[in-house]
Protein backbone atom coordinates (compact mmCIF):
# COMPACT_ATOMS: atom_id res chain seq x y z
CA MET A 1 0.07 0.01 -0.08
CA ARG A 2 1.62 3.31 -0.83
CA PHE A 3 1.06 6.14 1.78
CA ASN A 4 -0.51 8.31 -0.11
CA ASP A 5 -3.57 5.72 -0.56
CA TYR A 6 -3.13 5.43 3.21
CA VAL A 7 -3.57 9.21 3.81
CA ASP A 8 -6.25 9.22 1.18
CA SER A 9 -8.42 6.92 3.29
CA PHE A 10 -8.53 9.03 6.00
CA LYS A 11 -10.90 11.12 4.17
CA GLY A 12 -14.87 10.92 5.49
CA ALA A 13 -15.81 9.69 8.89
CA TRP A 14 -12.27 8.44 9.52
CA GLY A 15 -10.70 11.39 8.97
CA LEU A 16 -13.35 13.34 11.52
CA ILE A 17 -12.68 10.68 14.08
CA ALA A 18 -8.82 11.01 13.78
CA GLY A 19 -9.03 14.81 13.75
CA ILE A 20 -10.89 14.66 16.87
CA LEU A 21 -8.45 12.38 18.44
CA ALA A 22 -5.69 14.18 17.42
CA VAL A 23 -7.30 17.67 18.89
CA GLY A 24 -8.08 15.77 21.84
CA PRO A 25 -5.03 16.48 24.13
CA PHE A 26 -5.50 20.36 23.42
CA ALA A 27 -9.26 19.94 24.44
CA LEU A 28 -8.10 18.12 27.81
CA TRP A 29 -5.36 20.75 28.27
CA SER A 30 -7.67 23.62 28.00
CA VAL A 31 -10.31 22.48 30.34
CA ASP A 32 -7.58 21.21 32.93
CA PHE A 33 -8.28 17.42 32.43
CA LEU A 34 -4.86 16.61 31.85
CA PRO A 35 -2.76 15.60 34.82
CA PRO A 36 -0.80 18.33 36.31
CA TRP A 37 3.21 18.67 35.10
CA PRO A 38 5.98 20.11 36.70
CA ASP A 39 5.92 24.09 36.07
CA TYR A 40 9.54 23.98 33.86
CA TRP A 41 7.53 22.62 31.32
CA PRO A 42 3.84 22.84 31.43
CA ALA A 43 3.15 21.82 27.70
CA ALA A 44 5.16 18.51 28.11
CA GLN A 45 1.47 16.35 28.42
CA VAL A 46 0.09 17.79 25.71
CA VAL A 47 3.39 17.16 23.49
CA LEU A 48 3.59 13.70 24.77
CA ALA A 49 -0.32 12.78 23.89
CA VAL A 50 0.30 14.37 20.18
CA LEU A 51 3.37 12.55 20.01
CA SER A 52 1.24 9.19 21.00
CA THR A 53 -1.46 10.12 18.54
CA ILE A 54 0.92 10.41 15.50
CA PHE A 55 3.03 7.17 15.98
CA GLY A 56 0.05 5.22 16.52
CA ILE A 57 -1.21 6.37 13.09
CA LEU A 58 2.32 5.28 11.62
CA ILE A 59 2.46 2.30 13.09
CA ALA A 60 -0.88 1.47 12.00
CA TYR A 61 0.44 2.14 8.43
CA LEU A 62 3.35 0.02 8.79
CA LEU A 63 1.42 -2.98 10.44
CA PRO A 64 0.86 -6.21 7.99
CA SER A 65 -1.92 -5.46 4.98
CA GLY A 66 -4.92 -7.62 5.10
CA ALA A 67 -8.92 -6.95 5.77
CA LEU A 68 -9.08 -9.27 8.42
CA PHE A 69 -5.68 -8.41 10.27
CA ALA A 70 -6.91 -4.82 10.12
CA ARG A 71 -10.29 -5.58 11.35
CA LEU A 72 -9.50 -7.40 14.30
CA GLY A 73 -6.39 -5.22 15.11
CA ALA A 74 -8.43 -2.11 15.00
CA LEU A 75 -11.25 -4.11 17.23
CA THR A 76 -9.01 -4.85 19.47
CA ALA A 77 -6.90 -1.46 19.53
CA LEU A 78 -10.30 0.60 20.24
CA ILE A 79 -11.45 -1.69 22.88
CA ALA A 80 -8.11 -1.51 24.78
CA ALA A 81 -8.10 2.07 24.17
CA GLY A 82 -11.72 2.75 25.61
CA ILE A 83 -10.52 0.68 28.77
CA LEU A 84 -7.51 3.02 28.81
CA PHE A 85 -9.67 6.24 28.49
CA GLY A 86 -11.74 4.63 31.85
CA VAL A 87 -8.71 3.83 34.11
CA TYR A 88 -7.49 7.54 33.29
CA PHE A 89 -10.60 8.90 34.19
CA TYR A 90 -10.61 6.74 37.18
CA PHE A 91 -6.91 7.91 38.36
CA VAL A 92 -7.96 11.70 37.97
CA SER A 93 -10.67 11.19 40.09
CA ARG A 94 -8.77 9.19 42.31
CA TYR A 95 -5.79 11.16 42.79
CA VAL A 96 -6.15 14.60 41.49
CA VAL A 97 -7.03 17.16 43.64
CA VAL A 98 -8.33 21.05 43.04
CA ILE A 99 -7.84 23.90 45.44
CA GLU A 100 -8.65 26.86 45.29
CA GLN A 101 -6.02 29.17 46.54
CA GLY A 102 -5.86 33.40 46.97
CA LEU A 103 -3.00 34.74 44.65
CA ALA A 104 -2.74 38.20 44.68
CA GLY A 105 -6.32 38.90 45.39
CA ASP A 106 -7.61 36.40 43.21
CA THR A 107 -8.83 33.26 43.68
CA VAL A 108 -7.52 30.49 41.56
CA ALA A 109 -8.01 26.81 41.55
CA ARG A 110 -4.79 24.59 40.98
CA ALA A 111 -4.38 21.12 40.55
CA PHE A 112 -2.45 18.37 42.42
CA VAL A 113 -1.37 15.09 41.78
CA VAL A 114 -1.63 13.31 45.56
CA GLY A 115 0.22 9.71 46.18
CA ASP A 116 -0.88 6.72 47.74
CA GLU A 117 2.01 6.40 50.69
CA LEU A 118 2.11 9.16 53.40
CA LEU A 119 5.33 10.33 54.91
CA ARG A 120 6.15 9.41 58.59
CA GLY A 121 4.50 11.83 61.00
CA VAL A 122 1.81 13.02 58.44
CA GLU A 123 -1.99 12.60 59.79
CA ASP A 124 -3.87 10.41 58.03
CA ASN A 125 -7.29 11.32 59.04
CA LEU A 126 -7.47 14.08 56.89
CA THR A 127 -8.72 14.58 53.36
CA PRO A 128 -5.90 15.41 50.51
CA SER A 129 -6.61 18.72 50.20
CA ALA A 130 -6.59 19.40 53.91
CA LEU A 131 -3.29 17.86 53.81
CA ILE A 132 -2.05 19.94 51.02
CA ARG A 133 -3.33 23.02 52.48
CA LEU A 134 -1.87 22.23 56.40
CA TYR A 135 1.65 21.23 55.10
CA GLY A 136 1.86 23.51 52.08
CA SER A 137 3.01 21.01 49.48
CA VAL A 138 2.38 17.53 48.22
CA GLU A 139 6.17 16.67 48.50
CA ALA A 140 5.97 17.20 52.19
CA VAL A 141 2.66 15.03 52.76
CA TRP A 142 3.46 11.87 50.41
CA THR A 143 6.62 10.19 49.39
CA ILE A 144 8.30 11.09 46.21
CA ALA A 145 8.11 7.62 45.13
CA SER A 146 4.11 7.42 45.27
CA LEU A 147 4.00 10.62 43.71
CA THR A 148 6.10 9.45 40.83
CA ALA A 149 4.20 6.10 40.51
CA THR A 150 0.97 7.93 40.81
CA ARG A 151 2.41 10.42 38.15
CA MET A 152 3.53 7.85 35.59
CA LYS A 153 -0.18 6.11 36.15
CA LEU A 154 -1.83 9.04 34.83
CA ILE A 155 0.68 9.85 31.77
CA LEU A 156 0.91 6.25 31.17
CA SER A 157 -2.90 5.48 31.05
CA LEU A 158 -3.49 8.36 28.93
CA ASN A 159 -0.96 8.24 26.15
CA SER A 160 -1.37 4.87 25.91
CA ALA A 161 -5.09 5.41 25.42
CA PHE A 162 -4.60 8.21 22.45
CA PHE A 163 -1.71 5.77 20.85
CA LEU A 164 -4.27 2.85 20.97
CA ALA A 165 -7.34 4.73 19.81
CA ASN A 166 -5.11 6.29 16.52
CA LEU A 167 -3.88 2.73 15.94
CA GLY A 168 -7.08 1.33 15.67
CA LEU A 169 -8.41 4.31 13.36
CA GLY A 170 -5.62 3.74 11.40
CA LEU A 171 -6.06 0.11 11.14
CA LEU A 172 -9.52 0.86 10.27
CA ALA A 173 -8.63 3.64 7.45
CA LYS A 174 -5.58 0.74 6.28
CA ARG A 175 -9.14 -1.93 6.05
CA ASN A 176 -10.66 0.39 3.69
CA VAL A 177 -7.93 0.50 1.33
CA THR A 178 -6.80 -3.21 1.59
CA ALA A 179 -10.37 -4.30 1.33
């Protein structure tokens, strides 16, 4: 299959869906639904999600041709992507805490990733937002290993979901050309 034929197969519904998925990271970023990233590179999550989108489509092109393989591979990838999006939304609801803070006379909502393991001496009978307010930062409440593991869960689940969704769409587009 020529690459031009593959790109042409994205015209119509597949192209619209792939476009929506490609814009997905930006949409999630605009409504602050991406996991909080360190301040020194706030756009890193968007860049990673866009790269995983591009890689998904390119890898679908490089996989073997065949209508049956494309159909089964697409179905498997799309189901796995749906499951991973669900896992990501669970992780966000479980590990991301939004706290309103006063900054320069304004109230600003800030998102924090919390961990599973508290540092020694931290009270365990308070909510995560109360702990952050009391101790001032997540690093003063949860272990660094716990925070890193939580951030990796968020990043890997979201990027894997975008990758698999676009891999599935790429295989469906390829099926239309090879069928």
